[in-house]
N, C-alpha and C. Protein backbone atom coordinates (compact mmCIF):
# COMPACT_ATOMS: atom_id res chain seq x y z
N UNK A 1 85.11 94.15 91.17
CA UNK A 1 84.46 95.93 91.82
C UNK A 1 84.64 96.30 92.77
N UNK A 2 85.41 97.51 93.31
CA UNK A 2 85.81 97.26 94.39
C UNK A 2 84.55 98.66 95.38
N UNK A 3 83.94 98.62 96.13
CA UNK A 3 82.73 99.08 96.32
C UNK A 3 83.37 100.53 97.51
N UNK A 4 82.89 101.25 97.74
CA UNK A 4 83.85 102.72 98.56
C UNK A 4 81.81 102.84 99.45
N UNK A 5 82.32 103.13 100.82
CA UNK A 5 81.20 103.21 101.19
C UNK A 5 81.06 105.17 101.43
N UNK A 6 79.56 105.10 101.01
CA UNK A 6 79.68 106.89 101.05
C UNK A 6 78.39 107.09 102.25
N UNK A 7 78.72 108.25 102.59
CA UNK A 7 77.81 108.70 103.55
C UNK A 7 76.20 108.59 103.09
N UNK A 8 75.41 108.57 103.21
CA UNK A 8 73.86 108.21 102.99
C UNK A 8 73.58 109.06 102.05
N UNK A 9 73.74 111.10 102.02
CA UNK A 9 73.40 111.72 101.05
C UNK A 9 74.48 111.43 100.10
N UNK A 10 75.75 111.17 99.76
CA UNK A 10 76.60 111.46 99.14
C UNK A 10 75.59 110.22 98.08
N UNK A 11 75.77 109.02 98.82
CA UNK A 11 75.09 107.88 98.43
C UNK A 11 73.60 108.21 97.26
N UNK A 12 72.98 109.23 98.25
CA UNK A 12 71.17 109.22 97.19
C UNK A 12 71.56 109.77 96.18
N UNK A 13 73.22 111.09 96.14
CA UNK A 13 73.14 111.56 94.60
C UNK A 13 73.43 110.65 93.65
N UNK A 14 74.19 109.66 94.14
CA UNK A 14 74.21 108.22 92.35
C UNK A 14 73.14 107.57 92.17
N UNK A 15 72.36 107.75 93.16
CA UNK A 15 71.13 106.83 92.63
C UNK A 15 70.17 107.68 91.29
N UNK A 16 69.30 106.98 90.58
CA UNK A 16 68.24 107.14 89.52
C UNK A 16 66.95 108.37 90.10
N UNK A 17 66.81 109.49 89.37
CA UNK A 17 66.24 110.32 89.90
C UNK A 17 64.77 109.80 89.77
N UNK A 18 63.78 110.26 90.07
CA UNK A 18 62.26 109.47 89.75
C UNK A 18 61.45 110.36 90.96
N UNK A 19 60.23 110.40 89.75
CA UNK A 19 59.48 111.77 90.49
C UNK A 19 58.26 110.45 90.49
N UNK A 20 57.09 110.92 91.45
CA UNK A 20 56.07 109.71 91.58
C UNK A 20 54.68 110.39 91.87
N UNK A 21 53.57 109.92 91.38
CA UNK A 21 52.53 109.88 91.23
C UNK A 21 51.52 108.97 91.93
N UNK A 22 49.94 109.56 92.08
CA UNK A 22 49.06 109.17 92.63
C UNK A 22 48.15 109.14 92.19
N UNK A 23 47.13 108.56 91.66
CA UNK A 23 45.47 108.30 91.33
C UNK A 23 44.73 107.45 92.00
N UNK A 24 43.38 107.88 91.33
CA UNK A 24 42.45 107.00 91.74
C UNK A 24 41.30 106.98 90.32
N UNK A 25 40.97 105.23 89.73
CA UNK A 25 40.49 104.66 89.67
C UNK A 25 38.83 104.68 89.29
N UNK A 26 38.30 105.20 88.86
CA UNK A 26 36.39 105.58 89.13
C UNK A 26 36.09 104.55 87.93
N UNK A 27 35.04 104.04 88.02
CA UNK A 27 34.06 103.59 87.04
C UNK A 27 32.86 104.21 87.28
N UNK A 28 31.74 104.06 86.40
CA UNK A 28 30.07 104.49 86.48
C UNK A 28 29.59 103.12 87.42
N UNK A 29 28.78 103.37 87.40
CA UNK A 29 27.86 102.11 88.14
C UNK A 29 27.59 100.66 87.22
N UNK A 30 28.01 101.39 85.92
CA UNK A 30 27.77 100.12 84.66
C UNK A 30 29.47 99.91 84.23
N UNK A 31 29.82 100.44 85.04
CA UNK A 31 31.47 99.75 84.98
C UNK A 31 32.70 100.43 83.81
N UNK A 32 31.61 101.63 83.37
CA UNK A 32 32.80 102.19 82.65
C UNK A 32 33.46 103.06 83.59
N UNK A 33 34.75 103.23 82.61
CA UNK A 33 36.08 104.06 82.81
C UNK A 33 35.53 105.47 82.87
N UNK A 34 35.72 106.35 84.08
CA UNK A 34 35.83 107.42 84.16
C UNK A 34 37.05 108.31 83.87
N UNK A 35 37.43 109.30 82.99
CA UNK A 35 38.57 109.81 83.28
C UNK A 35 38.51 111.39 82.83
N UNK A 36 39.51 112.13 83.16
CA UNK A 36 39.21 113.81 82.75
C UNK A 36 40.32 114.21 81.68
N UNK A 37 40.16 115.01 80.77
CA UNK A 37 40.95 115.69 79.81
C UNK A 37 41.87 116.33 80.60
N UNK A 38 43.29 116.40 80.05
CA UNK A 38 44.15 116.83 80.63
C UNK A 38 44.12 118.41 79.92
N UNK A 39 44.05 119.92 80.48
CA UNK A 39 44.26 120.89 79.76
C UNK A 39 44.99 121.74 80.05
N UNK A 40 46.51 121.25 79.84
CA UNK A 40 47.55 121.94 80.22
C UNK A 40 48.76 121.33 79.62
N UNK A 41 49.80 122.12 78.79
CA UNK A 41 51.04 121.53 78.42
C UNK A 41 50.35 120.82 77.18
N UNK A 42 51.80 119.94 76.17
CA UNK A 42 51.76 119.30 75.07
C UNK A 42 50.55 118.40 75.17
N UNK A 43 50.44 117.93 76.05
CA UNK A 43 49.92 116.33 76.11
C UNK A 43 47.94 117.16 76.46
N UNK A 44 47.45 118.18 75.77
CA UNK A 44 46.75 118.75 75.99
C UNK A 44 45.17 117.61 75.75
N UNK A 45 45.83 117.04 75.22
CA UNK A 45 44.34 115.95 74.74
C UNK A 45 44.63 114.49 75.22
N UNK A 46 45.28 114.29 76.47
CA UNK A 46 45.83 113.06 77.01
C UNK A 46 44.33 112.79 78.13
N UNK A 47 43.71 111.72 78.54
CA UNK A 47 43.15 111.66 79.02
C UNK A 47 43.73 110.56 80.74
N UNK A 48 43.20 111.03 81.42
CA UNK A 48 43.74 110.70 82.63
C UNK A 48 43.21 110.62 83.43
N UNK A 49 43.01 109.83 84.98
CA UNK A 49 42.22 109.86 86.18
C UNK A 49 42.75 110.74 87.31
N UNK A 50 41.99 111.05 87.79
CA UNK A 50 42.16 111.76 89.00
C UNK A 50 43.60 111.74 90.21
N UNK A 51 44.66 112.38 89.88
CA UNK A 51 45.61 112.44 90.24
C UNK A 51 46.95 113.16 90.13
N UNK A 52 47.94 113.15 90.87
CA UNK A 52 49.28 113.83 90.08
C UNK A 52 50.39 113.50 90.56
N UNK A 53 51.16 114.19 90.72
CA UNK A 53 52.19 114.34 91.42
C UNK A 53 52.46 114.59 93.20
N UNK A 54 53.56 113.65 93.89
CA UNK A 54 53.33 113.70 94.68
C UNK A 54 53.86 114.89 95.51
N UNK A 55 54.01 115.72 96.61
CA UNK A 55 54.28 116.28 97.04
C UNK A 55 55.37 115.92 98.07
N UNK A 56 56.32 116.59 98.54
CA UNK A 56 56.99 116.71 99.81
C UNK A 56 56.63 116.21 101.12
N UNK A 57 56.27 115.04 101.47
CA UNK A 57 56.18 114.02 102.81
C UNK A 57 54.36 113.75 102.65
N UNK A 58 54.57 113.19 101.43
CA UNK A 58 53.25 112.84 100.96
C UNK A 58 53.56 111.57 101.20
N UNK A 59 51.93 110.50 101.21
CA UNK A 59 52.28 109.29 101.13
C UNK A 59 51.69 109.13 99.30
N UNK A 60 51.73 108.14 98.59
CA UNK A 60 51.05 107.94 97.51
C UNK A 60 49.37 107.80 98.15
N UNK A 61 48.63 107.36 98.83
CA UNK A 61 47.39 107.44 99.01
C UNK A 61 47.45 109.13 99.34
N UNK A 62 47.93 109.42 100.92
CA UNK A 62 47.78 110.78 100.06
C UNK A 62 47.58 111.59 98.91
N UNK A 63 48.39 111.78 98.21
CA UNK A 63 48.19 112.25 97.06
C UNK A 63 47.13 111.91 96.15
N UNK A 64 47.08 110.49 95.88
CA UNK A 64 45.87 110.60 95.42
C UNK A 64 44.81 111.27 96.16
N UNK A 65 44.18 110.67 97.52
CA UNK A 65 43.36 111.67 97.98
C UNK A 65 43.10 113.05 97.76
N UNK A 66 44.55 113.65 98.06
CA UNK A 66 44.57 114.93 97.73
C UNK A 66 43.78 115.50 96.40
N UNK A 67 44.55 114.93 95.14
CA UNK A 67 44.71 115.10 93.96
C UNK A 67 42.78 115.03 93.44
N UNK A 68 42.41 114.00 93.82
CA UNK A 68 41.04 113.62 93.20
C UNK A 68 39.78 114.93 93.76
N UNK A 69 40.36 115.51 95.69
CA UNK A 69 39.38 116.15 95.95
C UNK A 69 39.87 117.67 95.16
N UNK A 70 40.98 117.96 94.80
CA UNK A 70 41.34 119.32 94.34
C UNK A 70 40.84 119.38 92.74
N UNK A 71 40.72 118.14 91.97
CA UNK A 71 40.64 118.39 90.43
C UNK A 71 39.56 117.97 90.04
N UNK A 72 38.25 117.34 91.04
CA UNK A 72 36.97 116.72 90.83
C UNK A 72 36.44 117.46 92.11
N UNK A 73 36.43 117.46 93.20
CA UNK A 73 35.75 118.01 94.21
C UNK A 73 35.47 116.65 95.08
N UNK A 74 35.72 115.42 94.40
CA UNK A 74 35.49 114.12 94.90
C UNK A 74 36.33 114.00 96.49
N UNK A 75 35.40 113.61 97.18
CA UNK A 75 36.20 113.61 98.82
C UNK A 75 36.45 111.96 99.02
N UNK A 76 37.55 111.15 98.38
CA UNK A 76 37.14 109.91 98.37
C UNK A 76 37.53 109.12 99.86
N UNK A 77 36.69 108.45 100.53
CA UNK A 77 36.90 107.80 101.97
C UNK A 77 36.83 106.58 102.19
N UNK A 78 37.14 106.01 100.88
CA UNK A 78 37.39 104.31 101.39
C UNK A 78 38.95 103.93 101.46
N UNK A 79 39.12 102.46 101.23
CA UNK A 79 40.16 102.01 101.66
C UNK A 79 41.26 102.28 100.47
N UNK A 80 42.17 101.99 100.88
CA UNK A 80 43.18 102.17 99.83
C UNK A 80 43.43 100.51 99.52
N UNK A 81 43.30 100.40 98.66
CA UNK A 81 42.84 99.25 97.35
C UNK A 81 43.96 99.34 96.42
N UNK A 82 45.40 99.21 96.27
CA UNK A 82 46.24 99.11 94.80
C UNK A 82 45.88 98.37 93.84
N UNK A 83 45.77 98.79 92.92
CA UNK A 83 45.14 98.20 91.21
C UNK A 83 46.51 97.88 90.58
N UNK A 84 47.31 98.89 90.60
CA UNK A 84 48.64 99.03 89.68
C UNK A 84 49.46 99.96 90.33
N UNK A 85 50.57 99.89 89.68
CA UNK A 85 52.07 100.06 89.44
C UNK A 85 52.52 100.71 88.31
N UNK A 86 52.99 102.03 88.10
CA UNK A 86 53.41 101.97 86.64
C UNK A 86 54.53 102.56 87.00
N UNK A 87 55.76 101.90 85.64
CA UNK A 87 56.86 102.62 85.60
C UNK A 87 57.64 103.44 84.19
N UNK A 88 57.63 104.14 84.07
CA UNK A 88 58.09 105.57 82.73
C UNK A 88 59.72 104.97 83.09
N UNK A 89 60.38 105.00 81.85
CA UNK A 89 61.42 105.52 81.94
C UNK A 89 61.75 107.21 81.99
N UNK A 90 63.31 107.03 81.57
CA UNK A 90 63.65 108.44 81.94
C UNK A 90 62.99 109.20 80.66
N UNK A 91 62.95 110.22 80.70
CA UNK A 91 62.06 111.18 80.06
C UNK A 91 62.86 111.77 78.99
N UNK A 92 63.96 111.77 79.48
CA UNK A 92 64.79 113.16 78.42
C UNK A 92 65.10 114.20 78.97
N UNK A 93 65.55 115.47 78.47
CA UNK A 93 65.75 116.26 79.08
C UNK A 93 65.03 117.62 79.48
N UNK A 94 63.50 117.35 79.50
CA UNK A 94 62.68 118.04 79.58
C UNK A 94 62.43 117.52 81.11
N UNK A 95 62.07 116.30 81.00
CA UNK A 95 61.75 115.71 82.27
C UNK A 95 62.91 114.30 82.45
N UNK A 96 64.25 114.99 83.29
CA UNK A 96 65.36 113.95 83.12
C UNK A 96 65.25 113.12 84.43
N UNK A 97 63.99 112.39 84.68
CA UNK A 97 63.85 111.51 86.05
C UNK A 97 63.23 110.53 84.92
N UNK A 98 62.86 108.96 85.90
CA UNK A 98 61.96 107.92 86.06
C UNK A 98 60.66 108.80 86.53
N UNK A 99 59.48 108.11 86.07
CA UNK A 99 58.19 108.32 86.95
C UNK A 99 57.49 107.19 87.15
N UNK A 100 57.22 107.03 88.62
CA UNK A 100 56.72 105.76 89.17
C UNK A 100 55.17 106.34 89.71
N UNK A 101 54.23 105.35 89.34
CA UNK A 101 52.83 105.64 89.66
C UNK A 101 52.23 104.68 90.18
N UNK A 102 51.35 105.09 91.22
CA UNK A 102 50.17 104.26 92.00
C UNK A 102 48.89 104.67 91.67
N UNK A 103 48.49 103.58 91.36
CA UNK A 103 46.85 103.40 90.74
C UNK A 103 46.08 102.81 91.82
N UNK A 104 45.11 103.43 92.36
CA UNK A 104 44.20 103.16 93.42
C UNK A 104 42.93 102.58 92.67
N UNK A 105 41.87 101.94 93.65
CA UNK A 105 40.42 102.05 93.43
C UNK A 105 39.86 102.48 94.02
N UNK A 106 39.24 103.94 93.23
CA UNK A 106 38.20 104.87 93.38
C UNK A 106 36.47 103.56 93.49
N UNK A 107 36.77 102.83 93.05
CA UNK A 107 34.97 102.08 93.13
C UNK A 107 34.14 102.86 92.23
N UNK A 108 33.04 102.92 92.38
CA UNK A 108 32.03 103.55 91.43
C UNK A 108 31.59 104.58 92.08
N UNK A 109 31.19 105.55 90.90
CA UNK A 109 30.37 106.63 90.87
C UNK A 109 29.00 107.02 90.64
N UNK A 110 28.17 107.33 91.33
CA UNK A 110 26.93 107.49 91.13
C UNK A 110 26.26 108.40 89.79
N UNK A 111 25.21 108.64 89.34
CA UNK A 111 25.29 109.51 88.66
C UNK A 111 25.34 111.17 88.93
N UNK A 112 24.54 110.70 90.15
CA UNK A 112 24.67 111.77 91.13
C UNK A 112 26.28 112.36 91.35
N UNK A 113 27.12 111.49 91.93
CA UNK A 113 28.03 112.43 91.97
C UNK A 113 28.85 112.17 91.05
N UNK A 114 28.49 111.40 89.66
CA UNK A 114 29.45 112.58 88.56
C UNK A 114 28.66 113.90 88.03
N UNK A 115 27.78 113.96 88.01
CA UNK A 115 26.34 115.15 87.80
C UNK A 115 27.52 116.04 88.92
N UNK A 116 28.09 115.64 90.01
CA UNK A 116 28.55 117.28 90.92
C UNK A 116 30.00 117.12 90.80
N UNK A 117 30.33 116.59 89.85
CA UNK A 117 31.67 116.50 89.50
C UNK A 117 31.97 118.18 89.24
N UNK A 118 33.49 119.03 89.83
CA UNK A 118 33.85 120.45 89.73
C UNK A 118 35.05 120.21 89.40
N UNK A 119 35.00 120.71 88.23
CA UNK A 119 36.89 120.23 87.42
C UNK A 119 37.50 121.63 87.81
N UNK A 120 38.81 121.40 87.91
CA UNK A 120 39.63 122.82 88.26
C UNK A 120 39.72 123.26 86.89
N UNK A 121 39.31 124.03 86.09
CA UNK A 121 40.01 124.55 85.08
C UNK A 121 41.29 124.74 84.60
N UNK A 122 42.12 125.12 85.42
CA UNK A 122 43.45 125.04 85.12
C UNK A 122 44.22 123.88 84.90
N UNK A 123 43.15 122.09 85.56
CA UNK A 123 44.49 121.53 84.95
C UNK A 123 43.24 120.57 84.09
N UNK A 124 42.02 120.53 83.94
CA UNK A 124 41.54 119.80 83.09
C UNK A 124 40.26 120.36 82.67
N UNK A 125 39.69 120.11 81.28
CA UNK A 125 39.26 120.43 80.49
C UNK A 125 37.83 120.41 80.65
N UNK A 126 37.63 118.89 80.86
CA UNK A 126 36.46 117.98 81.02
C UNK A 126 36.42 116.66 81.38
N UNK A 127 35.32 115.76 81.73
CA UNK A 127 35.19 114.91 81.91
C UNK A 127 34.25 113.91 81.52
N UNK A 128 35.14 112.15 80.93
CA UNK A 128 33.85 111.80 80.79
C UNK A 128 33.88 110.21 80.90
N UNK A 129 32.66 109.55 80.58
CA UNK A 129 32.75 108.35 81.26
C UNK A 129 32.44 107.18 79.73
N UNK A 130 32.65 106.24 79.59
CA UNK A 130 32.80 105.35 78.03
C UNK A 130 33.31 104.17 78.18
N UNK A 131 32.88 103.60 77.62
CA UNK A 131 33.05 101.37 77.35
C UNK A 131 34.70 101.43 76.86
N UNK A 132 35.03 100.85 77.21
CA UNK A 132 36.68 100.28 77.12
C UNK A 132 36.68 100.46 75.17
N UNK A 133 35.58 99.60 75.04
CA UNK A 133 35.96 99.61 73.47
C UNK A 133 35.42 101.62 73.12
N UNK A 134 35.02 102.22 73.23
CA UNK A 134 34.89 103.40 73.42
C UNK A 134 36.50 104.37 73.45
N UNK A 135 36.60 103.67 74.42
CA UNK A 135 38.31 104.26 74.77
C UNK A 135 39.19 104.00 74.18
N UNK A 136 38.92 103.10 73.63
CA UNK A 136 40.60 102.18 72.80
C UNK A 136 40.13 103.36 71.66
N UNK A 137 38.70 103.57 70.79
CA UNK A 137 39.09 104.15 69.73
C UNK A 137 39.08 105.98 69.39
N UNK A 138 39.42 105.84 71.00
CA UNK A 138 40.03 107.60 71.49
C UNK A 138 41.21 107.76 71.81
N UNK A 139 41.95 106.88 72.32
CA UNK A 139 43.27 106.97 73.07
C UNK A 139 44.35 106.84 72.18
N UNK A 140 45.53 107.27 72.39
CA UNK A 140 46.94 106.93 72.47
C UNK A 140 46.68 105.02 72.83
N UNK A 141 47.56 104.49 72.13
CA UNK A 141 47.61 103.22 72.31
C UNK A 141 47.80 102.51 73.39
N UNK A 142 49.29 103.42 73.66
CA UNK A 142 50.12 102.85 75.01
C UNK A 142 48.89 103.63 76.10
N UNK A 143 48.66 104.53 76.02
CA UNK A 143 47.59 104.76 77.09
C UNK A 143 46.28 104.09 77.16
N UNK A 144 46.09 103.39 75.98
CA UNK A 144 44.54 102.42 76.26
C UNK A 144 45.30 101.36 77.12
N UNK A 145 46.74 101.04 76.59
CA UNK A 145 46.72 99.71 76.93
C UNK A 145 46.66 99.80 78.61
N UNK A 146 47.62 100.56 79.13
CA UNK A 146 47.47 100.93 80.18
C UNK A 146 46.10 101.00 81.28
N UNK A 147 44.85 102.09 80.23
CA UNK A 147 43.67 101.89 81.13
C UNK A 147 43.05 99.98 81.43
N UNK A 148 43.75 99.84 80.09
CA UNK A 148 42.89 98.27 80.26
C UNK A 148 43.14 97.24 81.32
N UNK A 149 44.90 97.18 81.59
CA UNK A 149 45.61 97.16 82.30
C UNK A 149 44.66 96.76 83.46
N UNK A 150 44.56 98.51 84.32
CA UNK A 150 43.67 98.58 85.50
C UNK A 150 43.02 98.27 85.18
N UNK A 151 42.07 98.32 84.24
CA UNK A 151 40.43 97.76 84.44
C UNK A 151 40.30 96.37 84.67
N UNK A 152 41.40 95.45 84.13
CA UNK A 152 41.18 94.53 84.39
C UNK A 152 41.44 93.65 85.86
N UNK A 153 42.60 94.65 86.23
CA UNK A 153 43.26 94.21 87.46
C UNK A 153 42.26 94.55 88.27
N UNK A 154 41.10 95.76 88.48
CA UNK A 154 40.24 95.80 89.47
C UNK A 154 38.68 94.57 89.09
N UNK A 155 39.05 94.29 87.98
CA UNK A 155 37.66 93.05 87.26
C UNK A 155 38.00 91.87 88.18
N UNK A 156 39.02 91.30 88.10
CA UNK A 156 39.66 90.60 88.27
C UNK A 156 40.16 90.15 89.81
N UNK A 157 40.52 91.18 90.59
CA UNK A 157 40.80 91.76 91.78
C UNK A 157 42.45 91.22 91.86
N UNK A 158 43.40 91.27 90.93
CA UNK A 158 44.10 91.73 91.08
C UNK A 158 44.97 93.08 91.42
N UNK A 159 46.50 92.62 90.90
CA UNK A 159 47.52 94.56 90.76
C UNK A 159 48.21 93.96 89.76
N UNK A 160 48.87 95.31 89.15
CA UNK A 160 48.94 94.73 87.55
C UNK A 160 50.47 95.95 87.74
N UNK A 161 51.63 95.29 87.51
CA UNK A 161 52.74 96.28 87.29
C UNK A 161 52.78 96.59 86.51
N UNK A 162 53.31 97.60 85.31
CA UNK A 162 53.18 98.19 84.11
C UNK A 162 54.64 99.24 83.71
N UNK A 163 55.21 98.65 82.57
CA UNK A 163 56.60 99.50 82.45
C UNK A 163 56.00 100.09 80.90
N UNK A 164 56.29 101.18 80.89
CA UNK A 164 56.47 101.78 79.40
C UNK A 164 57.64 102.61 78.84
N UNK A 165 58.09 102.89 78.07
CA UNK A 165 58.45 103.21 77.19
C UNK A 165 57.84 104.78 77.08
N UNK A 166 58.83 105.85 77.37
CA UNK A 166 57.93 107.59 77.25
C UNK A 166 57.77 107.60 75.61
N UNK A 167 56.40 109.05 75.82
CA UNK A 167 56.38 108.96 74.31
C UNK A 167 57.12 109.84 73.72
N UNK A 168 57.81 110.47 74.23
CA UNK A 168 59.04 111.34 73.30
C UNK A 168 59.47 112.36 74.56
N UNK A 169 60.33 112.60 74.42
CA UNK A 169 60.95 114.07 75.26
C UNK A 169 60.16 115.25 75.26
């Protein structure tokens, strides 16, 4: 195979495309995962953590903090502790790019913090705190596996790497 040197801008055009997101994983003081229900698009029943896509010039940590504040009103001040990285392959013509995610540990929310959450109605319709068993009955199996892996990483002090195929184009 012959390699031809390309200027950086030309070389970048040959690389796979990817979008990136970052989020914070919270539980209540009893260790039950906290999630938001997306209130937009075809995935309106999808449960997710406070977070979203990176803006130009942001780091994953900055994104997680900004998105959490915008979506819940929570101003998180803890240190960045990565729980997991999530990679989804090219999602087809509607989203012709891979999707890379960074899941950070948001710690525990008190009852008062949970009661003070203010949702952005343009993004989320509700929030819930449930046990893993309750979430498993309510969530898509692929999405639940991601939740369970991140919860396990938090409880064991490890970091998890996840790969998944897209659920559909």
